[in-house]
């Protein structure tokens, strides 16, 4: 099923050649992740207040650039779950401009809590796991 959001490239997203500066793809993946979790009914604040989970830091991120994106193009950012383990969630991001594939990104996010003053991996709660599997 997946999740999708759109982003229109602004002038500040581009380099001197008018091509999207590559670090922006990582920021857009992060933004799309937080939009997705809000749609699923949980966000970073809810994780803390309802589950005593400190957050979902990245343990891995990468992006393959297929075709350049330019100023004022609207990008569709699609997200799918590619793996869900006991403590981590791997997502795949697909960037498109109309029919043209722009980039493919991957993130692995680990659910963590503070234990004895240190971050420790923690199990993804069953109700959140069910919501994640719905996308």
C-alpha atoms as a PDB file:
ATOM      1  CA  UNK A   1       0.000   0.000   0.000  1.00  0.00           C
ATOM      2  CA  UNK A   2       2.647   2.555   1.045  1.00  0.00           C
ATOM      3  CA  UNK A   3       2.529   6.238   1.875  1.00  0.00           C
ATOM      4  CA  UNK A   4       3.144   9.208  -0.397  1.00  0.00           C
ATOM      5  CA  UNK A   5       3.721  12.917   0.030  1.00  0.00           C
ATOM      6  CA  UNK A   6       4.759  15.722  -2.331  1.00  0.00           C
ATOM      7  CA  UNK A   7       7.425  18.376  -2.118  1.00  0.00           C
ATOM      8  CA  UNK A   8       7.998  21.285  -4.515  1.00  0.00           C
ATOM      9  CA  UNK A   9      11.681  22.114  -4.916  1.00  0.00           C
ATOM     10  CA  UNK A  10      12.508  25.687  -3.905  1.00  0.00           C
ATOM     11  CA  UNK A  11      15.422  27.855  -5.043  1.00  0.00           C
ATOM     12  CA  UNK A  12      17.230  27.329  -1.736  1.00  0.00           C
ATOM     13  CA  UNK A  13      17.209  23.540  -2.310  1.00  0.00           C
ATOM     14  CA  UNK A  14      19.428  23.897  -5.382  1.00  0.00           C
ATOM     15  CA  UNK A  15      23.105  24.401  -6.111  1.00  0.00           C
ATOM     16  CA  UNK A  16      24.529  26.965  -8.522  1.00  0.00           C
ATOM     17  CA  UNK A  17      23.518  24.777 -11.498  1.00  0.00           C
ATOM     18  CA  UNK A  18      19.878  24.733 -10.411  1.00  0.00           C
ATOM     19  CA  UNK A  19      20.103  21.044  -9.442  1.00  0.00           C
ATOM     20  CA  UNK A  20      18.895  19.847  -6.044  1.00  0.00           C
ATOM     21  CA  UNK A  21      21.819  19.771  -3.601  1.00  0.00           C
ATOM     22  CA  UNK A  22      22.104  16.134  -2.523  1.00  0.00           C
ATOM     23  CA  UNK A  23      21.832  16.538   1.312  1.00  0.00           C
ATOM     24  CA  UNK A  24      18.267  17.769   0.829  1.00  0.00           C
ATOM     25  CA  UNK A  25      17.122  14.254  -0.089  1.00  0.00           C
ATOM     26  CA  UNK A  26      18.083  13.101   3.408  1.00  0.00           C
ATOM     27  CA  UNK A  27      16.143  15.967   5.013  1.00  0.00           C
ATOM     28  CA  UNK A  28      13.128  15.161   2.824  1.00  0.00           C
ATOM     29  CA  UNK A  29      13.266  11.493   3.822  1.00  0.00           C
ATOM     30  CA  UNK A  30      13.285  12.545   7.473  1.00  0.00           C
ATOM     31  CA  UNK A  31      10.376  14.949   6.929  1.00  0.00           C
ATOM     32  CA  UNK A  32       8.377  12.268   5.072  1.00  0.00           C
ATOM     33  CA  UNK A  33       9.088   9.752   7.857  1.00  0.00           C
ATOM     34  CA  UNK A  34       7.609  12.104  10.452  1.00  0.00           C
ATOM     35  CA  UNK A  35       4.575  12.797   8.240  1.00  0.00           C
ATOM     36  CA  UNK A  36       4.075   9.044   7.906  1.00  0.00           C
ATOM     37  CA  UNK A  37       4.279   8.356  11.631  1.00  0.00           C
ATOM     38  CA  UNK A  38       1.832  11.177  12.383  1.00  0.00           C
ATOM     39  CA  UNK A  39      -0.576   9.656   9.864  1.00  0.00           C
ATOM     40  CA  UNK A  40      -0.143   6.278  11.562  1.00  0.00           C
ATOM     41  CA  UNK A  41      -1.091   7.887  14.875  1.00  0.00           C
ATOM     42  CA  UNK A  42       2.251   8.196  16.604  1.00  0.00           C
ATOM     43  CA  UNK A  43       5.050  10.732  16.607  1.00  0.00           C
ATOM     44  CA  UNK A  44       8.199  11.292  18.634  1.00  0.00           C
ATOM     45  CA  UNK A  45       6.241  12.939  21.481  1.00  0.00           C
ATOM     46  CA  UNK A  46       3.743  10.060  21.617  1.00  0.00           C
ATOM     47  CA  UNK A  47       6.573   7.527  21.681  1.00  0.00           C
ATOM     48  CA  UNK A  48       7.972   9.266  24.768  1.00  0.00           C
ATOM     49  CA  UNK A  49       4.701   9.888  26.622  1.00  0.00           C
ATOM     50  CA  UNK A  50       2.831   6.662  25.833  1.00  0.00           C
ATOM     51  CA  UNK A  51       5.602   4.084  25.336  1.00  0.00           C
ATOM     52  CA  UNK A  52       8.669   5.459  27.179  1.00  0.00           C
ATOM     53  CA  UNK A  53      10.575   5.225  23.881  1.00  0.00           C
ATOM     54  CA  UNK A  54      13.161   7.996  23.565  1.00  0.00           C
ATOM     55  CA  UNK A  55      13.075   8.126  19.777  1.00  0.00           C
ATOM     56  CA  UNK A  56      13.889   6.489  16.454  1.00  0.00           C
ATOM     57  CA  UNK A  57      17.468   7.452  15.521  1.00  0.00           C
ATOM     58  CA  UNK A  58      18.995   6.377  12.240  1.00  0.00           C
ATOM     59  CA  UNK A  59      21.380   3.431  12.196  1.00  0.00           C
ATOM     60  CA  UNK A  60      21.749   3.516   8.399  1.00  0.00           C
ATOM     61  CA  UNK A  61      20.821   5.845   5.569  1.00  0.00           C
ATOM     62  CA  UNK A  62      21.704   5.924   1.894  1.00  0.00           C
ATOM     63  CA  UNK A  63      20.449   7.360  -1.353  1.00  0.00           C
ATOM     64  CA  UNK A  64      21.001   6.410  -4.986  1.00  0.00           C
ATOM     65  CA  UNK A  65      20.620   9.374  -7.327  1.00  0.00           C
ATOM     66  CA  UNK A  66      19.076   8.380 -10.655  1.00  0.00           C
ATOM     67  CA  UNK A  67      18.164  11.664 -12.348  1.00  0.00           C
ATOM     68  CA  UNK A  68      18.624  15.296 -11.257  1.00  0.00           C
ATOM     69  CA  UNK A  69      15.707  17.273  -9.852  1.00  0.00           C
ATOM     70  CA  UNK A  70      15.461  21.007 -10.517  1.00  0.00           C
ATOM     71  CA  UNK A  71      14.025  24.196  -9.110  1.00  0.00           C
ATOM     72  CA  UNK A  72      10.224  24.269  -8.955  1.00  0.00           C
ATOM     73  CA  UNK A  73       9.699  20.599  -9.864  1.00  0.00           C
ATOM     74  CA  UNK A  74       7.223  18.754  -7.657  1.00  0.00           C
ATOM     75  CA  UNK A  75       8.582  15.514  -6.281  1.00  0.00           C
ATOM     76  CA  UNK A  76       6.380  12.632  -5.205  1.00  0.00           C
ATOM     77  CA  UNK A  77       8.009  10.819  -2.298  1.00  0.00           C
ATOM     78  CA  UNK A  78       6.698   7.292  -1.799  1.00  0.00           C
ATOM     79  CA  UNK A  79       7.543   5.229   1.282  1.00  0.00           C
ATOM     80  CA  UNK A  80       7.282   1.498   1.855  1.00  0.00           C
ATOM     81  CA  UNK A  81       8.458  -0.754   4.652  1.00  0.00           C
ATOM     82  CA  UNK A  82      11.244  -2.998   3.377  1.00  0.00           C
ATOM     83  CA  UNK A  83      11.997  -4.696   6.706  1.00  0.00           C
ATOM     84  CA  UNK A  84      10.579  -4.699  10.216  1.00  0.00           C
ATOM     85  CA  UNK A  85      12.574  -6.421  12.935  1.00  0.00           C
ATOM     86  CA  UNK A  86      12.026  -6.642  16.670  1.00  0.00           C
ATOM     87  CA  UNK A  87      13.690  -3.253  17.331  1.00  0.00           C
ATOM     88  CA  UNK A  88      14.135  -1.555  13.951  1.00  0.00           C
ATOM     89  CA  UNK A  89      12.218  -0.408  10.899  1.00  0.00           C
ATOM     90  CA  UNK A  90      13.726  -0.153   7.435  1.00  0.00           C
ATOM     91  CA  UNK A  91      12.001   2.122   4.941  1.00  0.00           C
ATOM     92  CA  UNK A  92      12.481   2.615   1.223  1.00  0.00           C
ATOM     93  CA  UNK A  93      11.867   6.040  -0.297  1.00  0.00           C
ATOM     94  CA  UNK A  94      11.203   6.551  -3.998  1.00  0.00           C
ATOM     95  CA  UNK A  95      11.426  10.051  -5.431  1.00  0.00           C
ATOM     96  CA  UNK A  96       9.649  10.736  -8.729  1.00  0.00           C
ATOM     97  CA  UNK A  97       8.895  13.782 -10.829  1.00  0.00           C
ATOM     98  CA  UNK A  98       5.937  12.765 -12.953  1.00  0.00           C
ATOM     99  CA  UNK A  99       7.130   9.499 -14.567  1.00  0.00           C
ATOM    100  CA  UNK A 100      10.857  10.202 -14.106  1.00  0.00           C
ATOM    101  CA  UNK A 101      12.569   8.417 -11.242  1.00  0.00           C
ATOM    102  CA  UNK A 102      14.801  10.833  -9.343  1.00  0.00           C
ATOM    103  CA  UNK A 103      16.252   8.888  -6.407  1.00  0.00           C
ATOM    104  CA  UNK A 104      15.873   5.814  -4.202  1.00  0.00           C
ATOM    105  CA  UNK A 105      16.672   6.133  -0.514  1.00  0.00           C
ATOM    106  CA  UNK A 106      16.802   3.761   2.423  1.00  0.00           C
ATOM    107  CA  UNK A 107      16.665   4.410   6.150  1.00  0.00           C
ATOM    108  CA  UNK A 108      16.884   2.037   9.086  1.00  0.00           C
ATOM    109  CA  UNK A 109      15.452   3.495  12.271  1.00  0.00           C
ATOM    110  CA  UNK A 110      16.019   1.903  15.653  1.00  0.00           C
ATOM    111  CA  UNK A 111      13.541   2.277  18.490  1.00  0.00           C
ATOM    112  CA  UNK A 112      15.493   3.219  21.625  1.00  0.00           C
ATOM    113  CA  UNK A 113      14.912   4.031  25.277  1.00  0.00           C
ATOM    114  CA  UNK A 114      17.114   5.419  28.026  1.00  0.00           C
ATOM    115  CA  UNK A 115      18.259   2.711  30.417  1.00  0.00           C
ATOM    116  CA  UNK A 116      20.713   3.586  33.186  1.00  0.00           C
ATOM    117  CA  UNK A 117      21.609   6.808  31.386  1.00  0.00           C
ATOM    118  CA  UNK A 118      22.352   5.076  28.070  1.00  0.00           C
ATOM    119  CA  UNK A 119      20.397   4.574  24.877  1.00  0.00           C
ATOM    120  CA  UNK A 120      19.352   0.962  24.416  1.00  0.00           C
ATOM    121  CA  UNK A 121      17.420  -0.727  21.624  1.00  0.00           C
ATOM    122  CA  UNK A 122      13.859  -1.491  22.641  1.00  0.00           C
ATOM    123  CA  UNK A 123      11.135  -3.656  21.152  1.00  0.00           C
ATOM    124  CA  UNK A 124       8.644  -2.005  18.844  1.00  0.00           C
ATOM    125  CA  UNK A 125       5.297  -2.183  20.690  1.00  0.00           C
ATOM    126  CA  UNK A 126       2.796  -4.591  19.138  1.00  0.00           C
ATOM    127  CA  UNK A 127       0.167  -1.925  18.415  1.00  0.00           C
ATOM    128  CA  UNK A 128       2.751   0.228  16.571  1.00  0.00           C
ATOM    129  CA  UNK A 129       4.012  -2.840  14.712  1.00  0.00           C
ATOM    130  CA  UNK A 130       0.451  -3.495  13.516  1.00  0.00           C
ATOM    131  CA  UNK A 131       0.118   0.098  12.269  1.00  0.00           C
ATOM    132  CA  UNK A 132       3.473  -0.087  10.474  1.00  0.00           C
ATOM    133  CA  UNK A 133       2.488  -3.325   8.748  1.00  0.00           C
ATOM    134  CA  UNK A 134      -0.672  -1.650   7.395  1.00  0.00           C
ATOM    135  CA  UNK A 135       1.315   0.616   5.052  1.00  0.00           C
END
